Amino acid sequence: MSFNIKRDIITDTISVRDTLILPQTQRLVKGGLSYNPLNDVIQYSDGLVTRGVGTSLPGGTFVFRPHYVGPTSNNIFGSWAELCDAIKVDTGTIKCIAFDRSLMVDDEHFVIPVGEWDMTNISWKIDLCMLQQPPVEIFNLIDVSDGATLNGLCGINGPMMVLYNSTVQPAITVSLETDATMSAILLTSGASIICTGTQPFLKLVQGFYEIIMNISPTIGNGLVPVIDVVNGAQLIVPMFGRAVITDNSFSGAGAVFFISLTPGNEISIPLVQPNITGTKEISMNYTCPDVYKRIVNPVATDDQTVGYKIGDMWVNTSIDKYFTLVRSDVGAAVWNGPY
């Protein structure tokens, strides 16, 4: 098989669009990548049709590029509504929306407009290595409008802060115990959620749900809790890779279980989470010390039964002092300090 190499040379640099221009007969080979000179895009073939790759993720990737007015046949959309319409007719089971700010000004936010947006089997992603060009800013802000819903959203991946400013309803409501498509959401690679209105981002009404946090995600520290767990529902929060749970993260009378699986996570619960009235448990599956941020001093019942272990540090941020745990006996924990 023969092929040509397309190379763009711009100001003595080689663009990232060095790609294969395959003969037409080879463009429908399943898994094949080809360059479409008409739209200046890279395409991926599933064996039947070719579609624009959009980012470094092949197939099933839909690019939201505000201000874009070109052809949508390459899976790049300037309109959020048009993008969501295209996702509905896509036959893939797992899909990704890549947020591309290449046409935006430096301080501009992505905006999710008002509407009921079905995000079933869909994850959001900010790709640091995009085929078009790198993002202008490393950290991106996404405003979810008052009245927008995102039921079914599977994950938020990348350095993005999702600002939810709703006074109407949660962005995601989990209400069916057997709703398999809503069993978990993954927050990873710097994803952050803050609520700035009066409604939580996610409300767990019934059943079991997981919020999996990995690689420096953060939730909380807004005006209202991010997650509301209704009485009778159960939420489990596995934490990896320096995950951070801050003030105003959770509320409700349901059961919330926090499982810290790697060292270095920051947890501001349960004592500074007055909105949680239900069950609260912290479980630690390792022996390395952890740092806990509180607004009160530790007491003797802050012991091994709730996950504290010898060497842990307790920081009272209201007085800028810290304590260290030297004994974790049940009901007789000894915290040295304040220092």
Protein backbone atom coordinates (compact mmCIF):
# COMPACT_ATOMS: atom_id res chain seq x y z
CA MET A 1 0.00 0.00 0.00
CA SER A 2 1.31 3.44 -0.88
CA PHE A 3 0.50 6.68 0.87
CA ASN A 4 1.52 10.30 0.91
CA ILE A 5 2.54 12.42 3.86
CA LYS A 6 0.81 15.80 4.26
CA ARG A 7 2.98 18.32 6.04
CA ASP A 8 2.09 21.91 6.89
CA ILE A 9 5.05 24.18 7.50
CA ILE A 10 4.11 27.38 9.30
CA THR A 11 6.79 29.82 10.41
CA ASP A 12 9.45 27.13 10.27
CA THR A 13 7.45 24.73 12.47
CA ILE A 14 5.70 21.52 11.55
CA SER A 15 2.02 21.38 12.49
CA VAL A 16 0.51 18.48 14.43
CA ARG A 17 -1.56 17.57 11.36
CA ASP A 18 1.10 15.34 9.80
CA THR A 19 -1.25 12.61 8.59
CA LEU A 20 -1.74 9.90 6.04
CA ILE A 21 -3.60 10.65 2.80
CA LEU A 22 -4.92 7.19 1.98
CA PRO A 23 -6.38 6.16 -1.38
CA GLN A 24 -10.20 6.20 -1.43
CA THR A 25 -10.31 2.39 -1.43
CA GLN A 26 -8.40 2.32 1.85
CA ARG A 27 -10.42 4.95 3.68
CA LEU A 28 -13.13 2.52 4.81
CA VAL A 29 -10.76 0.07 6.44
CA LYS A 30 -12.03 -0.37 10.00
CA GLY A 31 -9.83 1.52 12.41
CA GLY A 32 -8.06 3.44 9.63
CA LEU A 33 -7.14 7.11 9.85
CA SER A 34 -7.15 9.33 6.77
CA TYR A 35 -6.84 12.99 5.93
CA ASN A 36 -9.73 14.80 4.22
CA PRO A 37 -8.25 17.77 2.32
CA LEU A 38 -11.72 19.24 1.62
CA ASN A 39 -12.46 19.92 5.29
CA ASP A 40 -8.84 19.83 6.47
CA VAL A 41 -9.67 17.23 9.12
CA ILE A 42 -8.50 13.81 10.16
CA GLN A 43 -11.11 11.09 9.77
CA TYR A 44 -11.57 7.73 11.43
CA SER A 45 -13.31 4.77 9.77
CA ASP A 46 -15.54 2.23 11.53
CA GLY A 47 -15.58 0.08 8.38
CA LEU A 48 -18.75 1.62 6.98
CA VAL A 49 -18.38 5.38 7.20
CA THR A 50 -15.67 7.87 8.09
CA ARG A 51 -16.13 10.51 10.74
CA GLY A 52 -14.01 13.38 11.97
CA VAL A 53 -11.77 12.47 14.84
CA GLY A 54 -11.82 15.97 16.30
CA THR A 55 -9.34 15.18 19.07
CA SER A 56 -6.84 12.46 19.81
CA LEU A 57 -9.74 10.16 20.69
CA PRO A 58 -10.88 8.20 17.61
CA GLY A 59 -14.56 7.71 16.79
CA GLY A 60 -17.45 8.55 19.09
CA THR A 61 -15.89 11.95 19.84
CA PHE A 62 -17.94 15.11 19.34
CA VAL A 63 -16.13 18.42 19.59
CA PHE A 64 -17.81 21.49 21.10
CA ARG A 65 -15.93 24.46 19.61
CA PRO A 66 -17.77 27.74 20.33
CA HIS A 67 -17.81 30.18 17.38
CA TYR A 68 -17.11 27.40 14.87
CA VAL A 69 -19.16 27.76 11.64
CA GLY A 70 -17.65 25.09 9.41
CA PRO A 71 -19.04 21.72 8.30
CA THR A 72 -20.43 19.47 11.03
CA SER A 73 -19.64 16.30 9.07
CA ASN A 74 -16.30 16.27 10.88
CA ASN A 75 -18.01 16.00 14.30
CA ILE A 76 -17.07 19.56 15.20
CA PHE A 77 -19.90 21.83 16.35
CA GLY A 78 -20.15 25.47 17.29
CA SER A 79 -23.68 24.92 18.63
CA TRP A 80 -24.28 22.83 21.75
CA ALA A 81 -27.83 22.00 20.59
CA GLU A 82 -26.64 20.75 17.18
CA LEU A 83 -23.95 18.67 18.84
CA CYS A 84 -26.50 16.99 21.13
CA ASP A 85 -28.82 16.30 18.18
CA ALA A 86 -25.94 14.58 16.36
CA ILE A 87 -25.13 12.47 19.42
CA LYS A 88 -28.70 11.18 19.51
CA VAL A 89 -28.38 9.54 16.09
CA ASP A 90 -24.87 8.17 16.63
CA THR A 91 -24.91 4.38 16.99
CA GLY A 92 -21.91 4.17 19.31
CA THR A 93 -22.49 3.08 22.88
CA ILE A 94 -19.74 5.13 24.53
CA LYS A 95 -19.27 8.74 23.49
CA CYS A 96 -17.18 11.72 24.46
CA ILE A 97 -17.70 15.47 24.18
CA ALA A 98 -14.36 17.24 23.82
CA PHE A 99 -14.35 20.93 24.76
CA ASP A 100 -12.19 22.94 22.35
CA ARG A 101 -11.53 26.60 23.12
CA SER A 102 -9.31 27.29 20.09
CA LEU A 103 -11.70 30.00 18.78
CA MET A 104 -12.48 31.55 22.17
CA VAL A 105 -10.89 34.57 23.81
CA ASP A 106 -8.72 34.03 26.87
CA ASP A 107 -11.31 34.83 29.57
CA GLU A 108 -14.34 33.34 27.81
CA HIS A 109 -16.31 30.51 29.44
CA PHE A 110 -17.93 27.52 27.79
CA VAL A 111 -21.71 27.77 28.27
CA ILE A 112 -24.17 24.88 28.50
CA PRO A 113 -27.53 26.46 27.58
CA VAL A 114 -30.90 25.86 29.17
CA GLY A 115 -32.46 22.56 28.14
CA GLU A 116 -32.77 18.86 28.94
CA TRP A 117 -29.55 17.41 27.54
CA ASP A 118 -29.39 13.62 27.55
CA MET A 119 -25.84 12.71 28.54
CA THR A 120 -26.39 8.94 28.84
CA ASN A 121 -23.10 7.06 28.21
CA ILE A 122 -21.32 10.37 27.56
CA SER A 123 -18.23 11.82 29.23
CA TRP A 124 -16.85 15.34 29.02
CA LYS A 125 -13.18 15.86 28.23
CA ILE A 126 -10.66 18.64 27.88
CA ASP A 127 -7.85 17.21 25.76
CA LEU A 128 -4.46 18.73 26.46
CA CYS A 129 -3.10 17.28 23.21
CA MET A 130 -5.73 18.21 20.65
CA LEU A 131 -5.09 17.62 16.96
CA GLN A 132 -6.25 21.10 15.97
CA GLN A 133 -4.17 23.03 18.51
CA PRO A 134 -3.57 23.08 22.28
CA PRO A 135 -6.09 24.97 24.41
CA VAL A 136 -5.35 28.63 25.08
CA GLU A 137 -5.73 28.11 28.83
CA ILE A 138 -4.79 25.03 30.81
CA PHE A 139 -7.78 25.44 33.16
CA ASN A 140 -11.21 25.89 31.60
CA LEU A 141 -14.48 27.20 33.05
CA ILE A 142 -17.81 25.65 32.03
CA ASP A 143 -20.99 27.50 33.03
CA VAL A 144 -24.06 25.25 33.26
CA SER A 145 -27.06 27.55 32.84
CA ASP A 146 -29.96 27.74 35.25
CA GLY A 147 -32.46 25.15 34.05
CA ALA A 148 -30.02 22.92 32.16
CA THR A 149 -30.04 19.21 33.04
CA LEU A 150 -27.34 16.65 32.27
CA ASN A 151 -28.88 13.35 33.32
CA GLY A 152 -26.77 10.32 32.49
CA LEU A 153 -23.41 12.13 32.46
CA CYS A 154 -20.71 9.48 33.03
CA GLY A 155 -17.60 11.50 33.66
CA ILE A 156 -15.77 14.81 33.69
CA ASN A 157 -12.17 14.40 32.58
CA GLY A 158 -9.62 17.16 32.35
CA PRO A 159 -8.67 20.51 33.85
CA MET A 160 -12.12 22.06 33.91
CA MET A 161 -14.19 23.77 36.58
CA VAL A 162 -17.91 23.16 36.16
CA LEU A 163 -19.91 26.03 37.68
CA TYR A 164 -23.55 25.13 38.32
CA ASN A 165 -25.71 28.19 38.94
CA SER A 166 -29.23 26.80 39.18
CA THR A 167 -32.22 27.89 41.23
CA VAL A 168 -34.57 25.44 39.48
CA GLN A 169 -33.37 21.85 39.83
CA PRO A 170 -30.25 19.68 40.09
CA ALA A 171 -28.25 19.11 36.91
CA ILE A 172 -28.40 15.35 37.51
CA THR A 173 -31.13 13.48 39.39
CA VAL A 174 -30.77 9.79 40.18
CA SER A 175 -34.17 8.46 41.21
CA LEU A 176 -34.43 4.86 40.00
CA GLU A 177 -32.86 2.11 42.09
CA THR A 178 -32.32 -0.05 39.01
CA ASP A 179 -31.02 2.71 36.74
CA ALA A 180 -27.82 0.99 35.56
CA THR A 181 -26.80 3.91 33.36
CA MET A 182 -26.62 6.18 36.37
CA SER A 183 -24.58 4.01 38.72
CA ALA A 184 -21.49 6.24 38.85
CA ILE A 185 -19.71 9.34 37.65
CA LEU A 186 -15.92 9.65 37.28
CA LEU A 187 -14.19 12.93 38.13
CA THR A 188 -10.56 12.89 37.05
CA SER A 189 -7.52 14.83 35.83
CA GLY A 190 -8.28 18.11 37.56
CA ALA A 191 -12.09 18.11 37.17
CA SER A 192 -13.85 20.40 39.63
CA ILE A 193 -17.53 21.06 40.45
CA ILE A 194 -18.80 24.10 42.34
CA CYS A 195 -22.44 25.13 42.92
CA THR A 196 -23.08 28.86 42.90
CA GLY A 197 -26.89 28.92 42.90
CA THR A 198 -29.35 27.24 45.25
CA GLN A 199 -29.47 23.73 43.79
CA PRO A 200 -26.97 20.85 44.04
CA PHE A 201 -25.24 19.54 40.93
CA LEU A 202 -26.42 15.98 41.66
CA LYS A 203 -29.32 14.71 43.75
CA LEU A 204 -29.45 11.05 44.72
CA VAL A 205 -33.11 10.33 45.50
CA GLN A 206 -33.08 6.54 45.58
CA GLY A 207 -30.73 3.61 45.20
CA PHE A 208 -26.93 3.36 45.12
CA TYR A 209 -24.46 5.67 43.39
CA GLU A 210 -20.70 6.23 43.22
CA ILE A 211 -18.63 9.35 42.73
CA ILE A 212 -15.17 8.09 41.76
CA MET A 213 -12.48 10.75 42.27
CA ASN A 214 -8.99 10.34 40.79
CA ILE A 215 -6.01 12.51 39.80
CA SER A 216 -6.59 15.81 41.62
CA PRO A 217 -10.36 16.35 41.31
CA THR A 218 -12.15 18.78 43.65
CA ILE A 219 -15.76 19.19 44.71
CA GLY A 220 -17.34 21.79 46.99
CA ASN A 221 -16.46 25.22 48.38
CA GLY A 222 -19.38 26.90 46.60
CA LEU A 223 -22.52 28.51 47.98
CA VAL A 224 -24.46 25.24 48.36
CA PRO A 225 -23.58 21.53 48.54
CA VAL A 226 -22.64 19.82 45.28
CA ILE A 227 -24.25 16.45 46.14
CA ASP A 228 -27.57 15.95 47.96
CA VAL A 229 -28.28 12.42 49.25
CA VAL A 230 -31.91 11.83 50.21
CA ASN A 231 -32.81 9.61 53.16
CA GLY A 232 -32.73 5.95 52.09
CA ALA A 233 -30.20 6.45 49.30
CA GLN A 234 -26.58 5.33 49.53
CA LEU A 235 -23.56 7.15 48.11
CA ILE A 236 -20.00 5.82 48.10
CA VAL A 237 -17.03 8.07 47.29
CA PRO A 238 -13.78 6.24 46.42
CA MET A 239 -10.86 8.70 46.47
CA PHE A 240 -7.51 8.33 44.68
CA GLY A 241 -4.63 10.54 43.59
CA ARG A 242 -4.94 13.64 45.82
CA ALA A 243 -8.68 14.06 45.53
CA VAL A 244 -10.07 17.01 47.50
CA ILE A 245 -13.46 17.25 49.22
CA THR A 246 -13.99 20.73 50.68
CA ASP A 247 -16.71 22.60 52.53
CA ASN A 248 -20.24 22.44 51.13
CA SER A 249 -19.67 19.18 49.28
CA PHE A 250 -22.55 17.07 50.60
CA SER A 251 -25.98 17.38 52.17
CA GLY A 252 -28.96 15.19 52.99
CA ALA A 253 -30.01 12.42 55.37
CA GLY A 254 -28.83 9.49 53.25
CA ALA A 255 -25.79 7.29 53.84
CA VAL A 256 -22.45 8.63 52.59
CA PHE A 257 -19.33 6.43 52.71
CA PHE A 258 -15.93 7.96 51.98
CA ILE A 259 -13.16 5.50 51.04
CA SER A 260 -9.67 6.97 50.74
CA LEU A 261 -7.60 4.44 48.78
CA THR A 262 -4.34 6.37 48.36
CA PRO A 263 -2.45 8.84 50.56
CA GLY A 264 -2.53 12.57 50.06
CA ASN A 265 -6.29 13.09 49.77
CA GLU A 266 -7.86 16.07 51.57
CA ILE A 267 -11.20 15.55 53.31
CA SER A 268 -13.16 18.27 55.13
CA ILE A 269 -15.76 15.86 56.46
CA PRO A 270 -17.64 15.10 58.59
CA LEU A 271 -17.30 17.88 61.13
CA VAL A 272 -17.45 20.84 58.74
CA GLN A 273 -20.28 19.32 56.71
CA PRO A 274 -23.30 20.39 58.81
CA ASN A 275 -25.67 19.69 55.92
CA ILE A 276 -25.08 15.94 56.23
CA THR A 277 -27.57 14.54 58.73
CA GLY A 278 -27.41 10.88 57.70
CA THR A 279 -24.74 8.20 58.05
CA LYS A 280 -21.15 9.32 57.56
CA GLU A 281 -18.20 6.94 57.45
CA ILE A 282 -14.55 7.30 56.49
CA SER A 283 -12.61 4.20 55.54
CA MET A 284 -8.85 4.13 54.93
CA ASN A 285 -7.26 1.26 53.01
CA TYR A 286 -3.60 2.19 53.54
CA THR A 287 -1.26 3.14 56.36
CA CYS A 288 0.23 6.44 55.19
CA PRO A 289 -0.74 9.54 57.20
CA ASP A 290 -3.49 11.84 55.95
CA VAL A 291 -4.21 15.52 56.47
CA TYR A 292 -7.70 16.57 57.59
CA LYS A 293 -8.90 20.16 57.45
CA ARG A 294 -11.47 21.13 60.08
CA ILE A 295 -12.81 24.22 61.82
CA VAL A 296 -12.79 22.61 65.30
CA ASN A 297 -10.28 20.72 67.43
CA PRO A 298 -10.18 16.90 67.56
CA VAL A 299 -11.65 14.99 70.51
CA ALA A 300 -11.14 11.55 72.03
CA THR A 301 -13.86 9.96 69.86
CA ASP A 302 -12.01 10.93 66.68
CA ASP A 303 -10.43 7.49 66.73
CA GLN A 304 -9.80 4.39 64.61
CA THR A 305 -13.52 3.58 64.35
CA VAL A 306 -14.02 6.49 61.95
CA GLY A 307 -10.82 5.93 60.00
CA TYR A 308 -8.17 7.98 61.82
CA LYS A 309 -4.77 6.36 62.33
CA ILE A 310 -1.53 7.13 64.10
CA GLY A 311 0.40 9.82 62.25
CA ASP A 312 -2.63 11.61 60.80
CA MET A 313 -2.60 15.40 60.97
CA TRP A 314 -5.68 17.45 61.90
CA VAL A 315 -5.59 21.12 60.85
CA ASN A 316 -8.01 23.54 62.51
CA THR A 317 -8.21 26.22 59.83
CA SER A 318 -10.16 28.60 62.10
CA ILE A 319 -7.16 29.05 64.42
CA ASP A 320 -4.32 28.07 62.01
CA LYS A 321 -3.18 25.25 64.30
CA TYR A 322 -2.59 21.54 63.77
CA PHE A 323 -2.71 18.30 65.81
CA THR A 324 -1.11 14.89 65.29
CA LEU A 325 -2.65 11.56 66.30
CA VAL A 326 -0.41 9.48 68.58
CA ARG A 327 -3.04 7.02 69.88
CA SER A 328 -6.15 5.83 68.04
CA ASP A 329 -7.79 3.70 70.77
CA VAL A 330 -11.59 3.51 70.59
CA GLY A 331 -13.04 6.42 72.58
CA ALA A 332 -9.60 7.37 73.84
CA ALA A 333 -7.79 8.89 70.89
CA VAL A 334 -4.86 11.14 71.75
CA TRP A 335 -4.18 14.11 69.50
CA ASN A 336 -1.05 16.09 70.40
CA GLY A 337 -1.25 19.82 69.88
CA PRO A 338 -2.21 22.43 68.99
CA TYR A 339 0.98 23.46 67.26
